[in-house]
Amino acid sequence: SEVPHEHDYVLDGEICVLDKTGRPDFGLLCKALSDVSLPFSFFAFDLLASFGQDLTWLPLRARKDVLSQAVESLNIEGLNFVDHFSDGEALA
């Protein structure tokens, strides 16, 4: 069995390339696959496991709390925490 690394997480999220206004742009994502000068961002929505422990049995809000702390502790450029939204229309 594998020994967990210092930061061993299974995240659910989406890889994006952002346009000049900071919004995800699928066309730029396609271009970035062949142009390494375009930076990728990862938007983490959920934390499914941590250090080999399945967290899917926890309520989403609890997983989001742990995810927020994990993203902050990792301090990786381009890794972003996506907070909980109860109003889907606010995302439009």
PDB file of N, CA and C in Angstrom:
ATOM      1  N   SER A   1       0.840  -1.181   0.000  1.00  0.00           N
ATOM      2  CA  SER A   1       0.000   0.000   0.000  1.00  0.00           C
ATOM      3  C   SER A   1       0.879   1.236   0.000  1.00  0.00           C
ATOM      4  N   GLU A   2       0.403   2.276  -0.681  1.00  0.00           N
ATOM      5  CA  GLU A   2       1.166   3.502  -0.829  1.00  0.00           C
ATOM      6  C   GLU A   2       1.090   4.347   0.439  1.00  0.00           C
ATOM      7  N   VAL A   3       2.197   4.948   0.797  1.00  0.00           N
ATOM      8  CA  VAL A   3       2.236   5.853   1.947  1.00  0.00           C
ATOM      9  C   VAL A   3       1.788   7.227   1.471  1.00  0.00           C
ATOM     10  N   PRO A   4       0.824   7.857   2.167  1.00  0.00           N
ATOM     11  CA  PRO A   4       0.380   9.187   1.755  1.00  0.00           C
ATOM     12  C   PRO A   4       1.523  10.190   1.800  1.00  0.00           C
ATOM     13  N   HIS A   5       1.508  11.112   0.853  1.00  0.00           N
ATOM     14  CA  HIS A   5       2.480  12.199   0.831  1.00  0.00           C
ATOM     15  C   HIS A   5       2.079  13.241   1.860  1.00  0.00           C
ATOM     16  N   GLU A   6       2.949  14.226   2.055  1.00  0.00           N
ATOM     17  CA  GLU A   6       2.662  15.287   3.022  1.00  0.00           C
ATOM     18  C   GLU A   6       1.301  15.930   2.747  1.00  0.00           C
ATOM     19  N   HIS A   7       1.005  16.167   1.474  1.00  0.00           N
ATOM     20  CA  HIS A   7      -0.286  16.730   1.060  1.00  0.00           C
ATOM     21  C   HIS A   7      -0.898  15.745   0.079  1.00  0.00           C
ATOM     22  N   ASP A   8      -1.725  14.847   0.555  1.00  0.00           N
ATOM     23  CA  ASP A   8      -2.322  13.807  -0.266  1.00  0.00           C
ATOM     24  C   ASP A   8      -3.827  14.028  -0.291  1.00  0.00           C
ATOM     25  N   TYR A   9      -4.314  14.637  -1.390  1.00  0.00           N
ATOM     26  CA  TYR A   9      -5.723  14.971  -1.501  1.00  0.00           C
ATOM     27  C   TYR A   9      -6.272  14.485  -2.838  1.00  0.00           C
ATOM     28  N   VAL A  10      -7.556  14.137  -2.861  1.00  0.00           N
ATOM     29  CA  VAL A  10      -8.271  13.874  -4.103  1.00  0.00           C
ATOM     30  C   VAL A  10      -9.310  14.988  -4.227  1.00  0.00           C
ATOM     31  N   LEU A  11      -9.107  15.833  -5.241  1.00  0.00           N
ATOM     32  CA  LEU A  11      -9.956  17.004  -5.441  1.00  0.00           C
ATOM     33  C   LEU A  11     -10.885  16.798  -6.627  1.00  0.00           C
ATOM     34  N   ASP A  12     -12.039  17.420  -6.557  1.00  0.00           N
ATOM     35  CA  ASP A  12     -12.939  17.517  -7.702  1.00  0.00           C
ATOM     36  C   ASP A  12     -12.920  18.978  -8.109  1.00  0.00           C
ATOM     37  N   GLY A  13     -12.712  19.231  -9.380  1.00  0.00           N
ATOM     38  CA  GLY A  13     -12.649  20.605  -9.832  1.00  0.00           C
ATOM     39  C   GLY A  13     -12.550  20.682 -11.335  1.00  0.00           C
ATOM     40  N   GLU A  14     -12.081  21.821 -11.808  1.00  0.00           N
ATOM     41  CA  GLU A  14     -12.017  22.068 -13.239  1.00  0.00           C
ATOM     42  C   GLU A  14     -10.762  22.858 -13.580  1.00  0.00           C
ATOM     43  N   ILE A  15     -10.093  22.423 -14.641  1.00  0.00           N
ATOM     44  CA  ILE A  15      -8.938  23.150 -15.149  1.00  0.00           C
ATOM     45  C   ILE A  15      -9.449  24.191 -16.138  1.00  0.00           C
ATOM     46  N   CYS A  16      -8.975  25.415 -15.996  1.00  0.00           N
ATOM     47  CA  CYS A  16      -9.408  26.512 -16.858  1.00  0.00           C
ATOM     48  C   CYS A  16      -8.210  27.351 -17.267  1.00  0.00           C
ATOM     49  N   VAL A  17      -8.399  28.092 -18.337  1.00  0.00           N
ATOM     50  CA  VAL A  17      -7.514  29.192 -18.688  1.00  0.00           C
ATOM     51  C   VAL A  17      -8.395  30.427 -18.662  1.00  0.00           C
ATOM     52  N   LEU A  18      -7.928  31.463 -17.968  1.00  0.00           N
ATOM     53  CA  LEU A  18      -8.737  32.658 -17.774  1.00  0.00           C
ATOM     54  C   LEU A  18      -8.414  33.708 -18.830  1.00  0.00           C
ATOM     55  N   ASP A  19      -9.454  34.436 -19.254  1.00  0.00           N
ATOM     56  CA  ASP A  19      -9.231  35.535 -20.197  1.00  0.00           C
ATOM     57  C   ASP A  19      -8.753  36.773 -19.443  1.00  0.00           C
ATOM     58  N   LYS A  20      -8.620  37.886 -20.130  1.00  0.00           N
ATOM     59  CA  LYS A  20      -8.087  39.111 -19.515  1.00  0.00           C
ATOM     60  C   LYS A  20      -8.980  39.662 -18.409  1.00  0.00           C
ATOM     61  N   THR A  21     -10.264  39.266 -18.412  1.00  0.00           N
ATOM     62  CA  THR A  21     -11.178  39.750 -17.369  1.00  0.00           C
ATOM     63  C   THR A  21     -11.269  38.772 -16.199  1.00  0.00           C
ATOM     64  N   GLY A  22     -10.546  37.647 -16.281  1.00  0.00           N
ATOM     65  CA  GLY A  22     -10.547  36.679 -15.197  1.00  0.00           C
ATOM     66  C   GLY A  22     -11.633  35.629 -15.297  1.00  0.00           C
ATOM     67  N   ARG A  23     -12.296  35.539 -16.451  1.00  0.00           N
ATOM     68  CA  ARG A  23     -13.346  34.535 -16.649  1.00  0.00           C
ATOM     69  C   ARG A  23     -12.788  33.351 -17.437  1.00  0.00           C
ATOM     70  N   PRO A  24     -13.252  32.141 -17.133  1.00  0.00           N
ATOM     71  CA  PRO A  24     -12.801  30.966 -17.888  1.00  0.00           C
ATOM     72  C   PRO A  24     -13.119  31.117 -19.373  1.00  0.00           C
ATOM     73  N   ASP A  25     -12.176  30.699 -20.221  1.00  0.00           N
ATOM     74  CA  ASP A  25     -12.341  30.803 -21.667  1.00  0.00           C
ATOM     75  C   ASP A  25     -11.965  29.460 -22.286  1.00  0.00           C
ATOM     76  N   PHE A  26     -12.975  28.729 -22.802  1.00  0.00           N
ATOM     77  CA  PHE A  26     -12.728  27.401 -23.352  1.00  0.00           C
ATOM     78  C   PHE A  26     -11.800  27.468 -24.571  1.00  0.00           C
ATOM     79  N   GLY A  27     -11.940  28.496 -25.405  1.00  0.00           N
ATOM     80  CA  GLY A  27     -11.068  28.657 -26.566  1.00  0.00           C
ATOM     81  C   GLY A  27      -9.609  28.801 -26.152  1.00  0.00           C
ATOM     82  N   LEU A  28      -9.364  29.564 -25.092  1.00  0.00           N
ATOM     83  CA  LEU A  28      -7.992  29.708 -24.589  1.00  0.00           C
ATOM     84  C   LEU A  28      -7.484  28.396 -23.988  1.00  0.00           C
ATOM     85  N   LEU A  29      -8.382  27.634 -23.367  1.00  0.00           N
ATOM     86  CA  LEU A  29      -7.988  26.331 -22.831  1.00  0.00           C
ATOM     87  C   LEU A  29      -7.508  25.428 -23.960  1.00  0.00           C
ATOM     88  N   CYS A  30      -8.249  25.400 -25.049  1.00  0.00           N
ATOM     89  CA  CYS A  30      -7.839  24.587 -26.208  1.00  0.00           C
ATOM     90  C   CYS A  30      -6.486  25.048 -26.730  1.00  0.00           C
ATOM     91  N   LYS A  31      -6.289  26.360 -26.811  1.00  0.00           N
ATOM     92  CA  LYS A  31      -5.023  26.908 -27.296  1.00  0.00           C
ATOM     93  C   LYS A  31      -3.880  26.564 -26.337  1.00  0.00           C
ATOM     94  N   ALA A  32      -4.157  26.591 -25.040  1.00  0.00           N
ATOM     95  CA  ALA A  32      -3.126  26.338 -24.031  1.00  0.00           C
ATOM     96  C   ALA A  32      -2.591  24.910 -24.087  1.00  0.00           C
ATOM     97  N   LEU A  33      -3.361  24.005 -24.651  1.00  0.00           N
ATOM     98  CA  LEU A  33      -2.899  22.622 -24.757  1.00  0.00           C
ATOM     99  C   LEU A  33      -1.674  22.509 -25.653  1.00  0.00           C
ATOM    100  N   SER A  34      -1.482  23.496 -26.546  1.00  0.00           N
ATOM    101  CA  SER A  34      -0.299  23.479 -27.403  1.00  0.00           C
ATOM    102  C   SER A  34       0.602  24.693 -27.184  1.00  0.00           C
ATOM    103  N   ASP A  35       0.169  25.639 -26.359  1.00  0.00           N
ATOM    104  CA  ASP A  35       0.939  26.861 -26.095  1.00  0.00           C
ATOM    105  C   ASP A  35       1.218  26.936 -24.594  1.00  0.00           C
ATOM    106  N   VAL A  36       2.404  26.491 -24.193  1.00  0.00           N
ATOM    107  CA  VAL A  36       2.724  26.407 -22.767  1.00  0.00           C
ATOM    108  C   VAL A  36       2.867  27.767 -22.084  1.00  0.00           C
ATOM    109  N   SER A  37       2.823  28.850 -22.842  1.00  0.00           N
ATOM    110  CA  SER A  37       2.953  30.171 -22.214  1.00  0.00           C
ATOM    111  C   SER A  37       1.652  30.625 -21.554  1.00  0.00           C
ATOM    112  N   LEU A  38       0.541  29.953 -21.861  1.00  0.00           N
ATOM    113  CA  LEU A  38      -0.733  30.314 -21.240  1.00  0.00           C
ATOM    114  C   LEU A  38      -0.881  29.561 -19.924  1.00  0.00           C
ATOM    115  N   PRO A  39      -1.099  30.279 -18.813  1.00  0.00           N
ATOM    116  CA  PRO A  39      -1.180  29.618 -17.505  1.00  0.00           C
ATOM    117  C   PRO A  39      -2.535  28.941 -17.276  1.00  0.00           C
ATOM    118  N   PHE A  40      -2.491  27.761 -16.700  1.00  0.00           N
ATOM    119  CA  PHE A  40      -3.692  27.040 -16.299  1.00  0.00           C
ATOM    120  C   PHE A  40      -4.057  27.438 -14.872  1.00  0.00           C
ATOM    121  N   SER A  41      -5.341  27.355 -14.568  1.00  0.00           N
ATOM    122  CA  SER A  41      -5.840  27.509 -13.204  1.00  0.00           C
ATOM    123  C   SER A  41      -6.678  26.275 -12.897  1.00  0.00           C
ATOM    124  N   PHE A  42      -6.660  25.854 -11.642  1.00  0.00           N
ATOM    125  CA  PHE A  42      -7.514  24.749 -11.216  1.00  0.00           C
ATOM    126  C   PHE A  42      -8.455  25.277 -10.158  1.00  0.00           C
ATOM    127  N   PHE A  43      -9.750  25.101 -10.393  1.00  0.00           N
ATOM    128  CA  PHE A  43     -10.768  25.541  -9.460  1.00  0.00           C
ATOM    129  C   PHE A  43     -11.305  24.310  -8.734  1.00  0.00           C
ATOM    130  N   ALA A  44     -10.986  24.206  -7.448  1.00  0.00           N
ATOM    131  CA  ALA A  44     -11.358  23.048  -6.637  1.00  0.00           C
ATOM    132  C   ALA A  44     -12.739  23.260  -6.034  1.00  0.00           C
ATOM    133  N   PHE A  45     -13.667  22.347  -6.366  1.00  0.00           N
ATOM    134  CA  PHE A  45     -15.046  22.413  -5.889  1.00  0.00           C
ATOM    135  C   PHE A  45     -15.277  21.558  -4.652  1.00  0.00           C
ATOM    136  N   ASP A  46     -14.551  20.441  -4.565  1.00  0.00           N
ATOM    137  CA  ASP A  46     -14.869  19.455  -3.529  1.00  0.00           C
ATOM    138  C   ASP A  46     -13.604  18.677  -3.161  1.00  0.00           C
ATOM    139  N   LEU A  47     -13.569  18.192  -1.953  1.00  0.00           N
ATOM    140  CA  LEU A  47     -12.482  17.345  -1.456  1.00  0.00           C
ATOM    141  C   LEU A  47     -13.069  15.964  -1.193  1.00  0.00           C
ATOM    142  N   LEU A  48     -12.666  14.994  -2.021  1.00  0.00           N
ATOM    143  CA  LEU A  48     -13.244  13.653  -1.951  1.00  0.00           C
ATOM    144  C   LEU A  48     -12.505  12.739  -0.994  1.00  0.00           C
ATOM    145  N   ALA A  49     -11.192  12.970  -0.833  1.00  0.00           N
ATOM    146  CA  ALA A  49     -10.386  12.150   0.074  1.00  0.00           C
ATOM    147  C   ALA A  49      -9.212  12.966   0.564  1.00  0.00           C
ATOM    148  N   SER A  50      -8.733  12.621   1.747  1.00  0.00           N
ATOM    149  CA  SER A  50      -7.592  13.299   2.337  1.00  0.00           C
ATOM    150  C   SER A  50      -6.744  12.262   3.057  1.00  0.00           C
ATOM    151  N   PHE A  51      -5.480  12.185   2.689  1.00  0.00           N
ATOM    152  CA  PHE A  51      -4.538  11.255   3.314  1.00  0.00           C
ATOM    153  C   PHE A  51      -5.089   9.829   3.341  1.00  0.00           C
ATOM    154  N   GLY A  52      -5.694   9.416   2.214  1.00  0.00           N
ATOM    155  CA  GLY A  52      -6.200   8.059   2.086  1.00  0.00           C
ATOM    156  C   GLY A  52      -7.556   7.805   2.713  1.00  0.00           C
ATOM    157  N   GLN A  53      -8.158   8.819   3.323  1.00  0.00           N
ATOM    158  CA  GLN A  53      -9.461   8.663   3.979  1.00  0.00           C
ATOM    159  C   GLN A  53     -10.573   9.206   3.080  1.00  0.00           C
ATOM    160  N   ASP A  54     -11.560   8.378   2.792  1.00  0.00           N
ATOM    161  CA  ASP A  54     -12.724   8.782   2.006  1.00  0.00           C
ATOM    162  C   ASP A  54     -13.521   9.813   2.802  1.00  0.00           C
ATOM    163  N   LEU A  55     -13.798  10.959   2.186  1.00  0.00           N
ATOM    164  CA  LEU A  55     -14.558  12.016   2.867  1.00  0.00           C
ATOM    165  C   LEU A  55     -15.952  12.190   2.281  1.00  0.00           C
ATOM    166  N   THR A  56     -16.316  11.368   1.306  1.00  0.00           N
ATOM    167  CA  THR A  56     -17.592  11.576   0.630  1.00  0.00           C
ATOM    168  C   THR A  56     -18.802  11.350   1.528  1.00  0.00           C
ATOM    169  N   TRP A  57     -18.613  10.720   2.665  1.00  0.00           N
ATOM    170  CA  TRP A  57     -19.713  10.509   3.598  1.00  0.00           C
ATOM    171  C   TRP A  57     -20.041  11.778   4.386  1.00  0.00           C
ATOM    172  N   LEU A  58     -19.105  12.740   4.404  1.00  0.00           N
ATOM    173  CA  LEU A  58     -19.340  14.006   5.109  1.00  0.00           C
ATOM    174  C   LEU A  58     -20.262  14.910   4.291  1.00  0.00           C
ATOM    175  N   PRO A  59     -21.005  15.788   4.935  1.00  0.00           N
ATOM    176  CA  PRO A  59     -21.793  16.782   4.194  1.00  0.00           C
ATOM    177  C   PRO A  59     -20.870  17.686   3.367  1.00  0.00           C
ATOM    178  N   LEU A  60     -21.361  18.170   2.232  1.00  0.00           N
ATOM    179  CA  LEU A  60     -20.564  19.007   1.340  1.00  0.00           C
ATOM    180  C   LEU A  60     -19.971  20.209   2.065  1.00  0.00           C
ATOM    181  N   ARG A  61     -20.738  20.868   2.894  1.00  0.00           N
ATOM    182  CA  ARG A  61     -20.207  22.050   3.599  1.00  0.00           C
ATOM    183  C   ARG A  61     -19.005  21.689   4.473  1.00  0.00           C
ATOM    184  N   ALA A  62     -19.037  20.532   5.098  1.00  0.00           N
ATOM    185  CA  ALA A  62     -17.906  20.097   5.925  1.00  0.00           C
ATOM    186  C   ALA A  62     -16.686  19.825   5.040  1.00  0.00           C
ATOM    187  N   ARG A  63     -16.907  19.167   3.898  1.00  0.00           N
ATOM    188  CA  ARG A  63     -15.790  18.912   2.973  1.00  0.00           C
ATOM    189  C   ARG A  63     -15.226  20.218   2.442  1.00  0.00           C
ATOM    190  N   LYS A  64     -16.097  21.191   2.177  1.00  0.00           N
ATOM    191  CA  LYS A  64     -15.637  22.502   1.688  1.00  0.00           C
ATOM    192  C   LYS A  64     -14.782  23.206   2.736  1.00  0.00           C
ATOM    193  N   ASP A  65     -15.120  23.066   4.015  1.00  0.00           N
ATOM    194  CA  ASP A  65     -14.306  23.666   5.074  1.00  0.00           C
ATOM    195  C   ASP A  65     -12.898  23.082   5.066  1.00  0.00           C
ATOM    196  N   VAL A  66     -12.815  21.759   4.950  1.00  0.00           N
ATOM    197  CA  VAL A  66     -11.509  21.095   4.910  1.00  0.00           C
ATOM    198  C   VAL A  66     -10.776  21.461   3.622  1.00  0.00           C
ATOM    199  N   LEU A  67     -11.507  21.516   2.501  1.00  0.00           N
ATOM    200  CA  LEU A  67     -10.916  21.888   1.213  1.00  0.00           C
ATOM    201  C   LEU A  67     -10.313  23.284   1.268  1.00  0.00           C
ATOM    202  N   SER A  68     -11.029  24.223   1.849  1.00  0.00           N
ATOM    203  CA  SER A  68     -10.534  25.597   1.962  1.00  0.00           C
ATOM    204  C   SER A  68      -9.201  25.631   2.703  1.00  0.00           C
ATOM    205  N   GLN A  69      -9.120  24.901   3.807  1.00  0.00           N
ATOM    206  CA  GLN A  69      -7.874  24.847   4.581  1.00  0.00           C
ATOM    207  C   GLN A  69      -6.769  24.167   3.794  1.00  0.00           C
ATOM    208  N   ALA A  70      -7.104  23.113   3.049  1.00  0.00           N
ATOM    209  CA  ALA A  70      -6.108  22.390   2.255  1.00  0.00           C
ATOM    210  C   ALA A  70      -5.540  23.277   1.158  1.00  0.00           C
ATOM    211  N   VAL A  71      -6.403  23.982   0.431  1.00  0.00           N
ATOM    212  CA  VAL A  71      -5.945  24.862  -0.645  1.00  0.00           C
ATOM    213  C   VAL A  71      -5.049  25.954  -0.074  1.00  0.00           C
ATOM    214  N   GLU A  72      -5.442  26.506   1.060  1.00  0.00           N
ATOM    215  CA  GLU A  72      -4.627  27.551   1.697  1.00  0.00           C
ATOM    216  C   GLU A  72      -3.264  26.996   2.117  1.00  0.00           C
ATOM    217  N   SER A  73      -3.236  25.807   2.691  1.00  0.00           N
ATOM    218  CA  SER A  73      -1.965  25.244   3.165  1.00  0.00           C
ATOM    219  C   SER A  73      -1.059  24.831   2.014  1.00  0.00           C
ATOM    220  N   LEU A  74      -1.646  24.407   0.896  1.00  0.00           N
ATOM    221  CA  LEU A  74      -0.834  24.014  -0.256  1.00  0.00           C
ATOM    222  C   LEU A  74      -0.146  25.216  -0.890  1.00  0.00           C
ATOM    223  N   ASN A  75      -0.839  26.362  -0.908  1.00  0.00           N
ATOM    224  CA  ASN A  75      -0.267  27.607  -1.421  1.00  0.00           C
ATOM    225  C   ASN A  75       0.368  27.405  -2.802  1.00  0.00           C
ATOM    226  N   ILE A  76      -0.416  26.860  -3.739  1.00  0.00           N
ATOM    227  CA  ILE A  76       0.045  26.598  -5.100  1.00  0.00           C
ATOM    228  C   ILE A  76      -0.547  27.644  -6.027  1.00  0.00           C
ATOM    229  N   GLU A  77       0.308  28.304  -6.794  1.00  0.00           N
ATOM    230  CA  GLU A  77      -0.176  29.301  -7.749  1.00  0.00           C
ATOM    231  C   GLU A  77      -1.112  28.633  -8.749  1.00  0.00           C
ATOM    232  N   GLY A  78      -2.269  29.238  -8.971  1.00  0.00           N
ATOM    233  CA  GLY A  78      -3.236  28.708  -9.910  1.00  0.00           C
ATOM    234  C   GLY A  78      -4.237  27.745  -9.304  1.00  0.00           C
ATOM    235  N   LEU A  79      -4.046  27.365  -8.033  1.00  0.00           N
ATOM    236  CA  LEU A  79      -5.002  26.494  -7.347  1.00  0.00           C
ATOM    237  C   LEU A  79      -5.973  27.385  -6.582  1.00  0.00           C
ATOM    238  N   ASN A  80      -7.254  27.272  -6.903  1.00  0.00           N
ATOM    239  CA  ASN A  80      -8.264  28.159  -6.348  1.00  0.00           C
ATOM    240  C   ASN A  80      -9.381  27.364  -5.672  1.00  0.00           C
ATOM    241  N   PHE A  81      -9.820  27.839  -4.531  1.00  0.00           N
ATOM    242  CA  PHE A  81     -10.946  27.262  -3.807  1.00  0.00           C
ATOM    243  C   PHE A  81     -12.235  27.891  -4.320  1.00  0.00           C
ATOM    244  N   VAL A  82     -13.227  27.064  -4.622  1.00  0.00           N
ATOM    245  CA  VAL A  82     -14.541  27.561  -5.024  1.00  0.00           C
ATOM    246  C   VAL A  82     -15.486  27.367  -3.848  1.00  0.00           C
ATOM    247  N   ASP A  83     -15.958  28.486  -3.304  1.00  0.00           N
ATOM    248  CA  ASP A  83     -16.827  28.453  -2.141  1.00  0.00           C
ATOM    249  C   ASP A  83     -18.206  27.906  -2.503  1.00  0.00           C
ATOM    250  N   HIS A  84     -18.994  27.626  -1.493  1.00  0.00           N
ATOM    251  CA  HIS A  84     -20.338  27.085  -1.662  1.00  0.00           C
ATOM    252  C   HIS A  84     -21.277  28.193  -2.131  1.00  0.00           C
ATOM    253  N   PHE A  85     -22.105  27.872  -3.112  1.00  0.00           N
ATOM    254  CA  PHE A  85     -23.122  28.800  -3.599  1.00  0.00           C
ATOM    255  C   PHE A  85     -24.481  28.165  -3.383  1.00  0.00           C
ATOM    256  N   SER A  86     -25.365  28.867  -2.720  1.00  0.00           N
ATOM    257  CA  SER A  86     -26.724  28.345  -2.558  1.00  0.00           C
ATOM    258  C   SER A  86     -27.662  28.964  -3.594  1.00  0.00           C
ATOM    259  N   ASP A  87     -27.208  30.020  -4.289  1.00  0.00           N
ATOM    260  CA  ASP A  87     -28.006  30.714  -5.286  1.00  0.00           C
ATOM    261  C   ASP A  87     -27.326  30.569  -6.645  1.00  0.00           C
ATOM    262  N   GLY A  88     -27.749  29.585  -7.428  1.00  0.00           N
ATOM    263  CA  GLY A  88     -27.143  29.337  -8.731  1.00  0.00           C
ATOM    264  C   GLY A  88     -27.248  30.521  -9.675  1.00  0.00           C
ATOM    265  N   GLU A  89     -28.303  31.331  -9.554  1.00  0.00           N
ATOM    266  CA  GLU A  89     -28.458  32.488 -10.430  1.00  0.00           C
ATOM    267  C   GLU A  89     -27.369  33.513 -10.190  1.00  0.00           C
ATOM    268  N   ALA A  90     -26.779  33.532  -9.008  1.00  0.00           N
ATOM    269  CA  ALA A  90     -25.712  34.488  -8.708  1.00  0.00           C
ATOM    270  C   ALA A  90     -24.476  34.208  -9.533  1.00  0.00           C
ATOM    271  N   LEU A  91     -24.351  32.992 -10.074  1.00  0.00           N
ATOM    272  CA  LEU A  91     -23.173  32.629 -10.864  1.00  0.00           C
ATOM    273  C   LEU A  91     -23.264  33.107 -12.303  1.00  0.00           C
ATOM    274  N   ALA A  92     -24.430  33.488 -12.750  1.00  0.00           N
ATOM    275  CA  ALA A  92     -24.635  33.888 -14.153  1.00  0.00           C
ATOM    276  C   ALA A  92     -23.973  35.204 -14.466  1.00  0.00           C
TER     277      ALA A  92
END
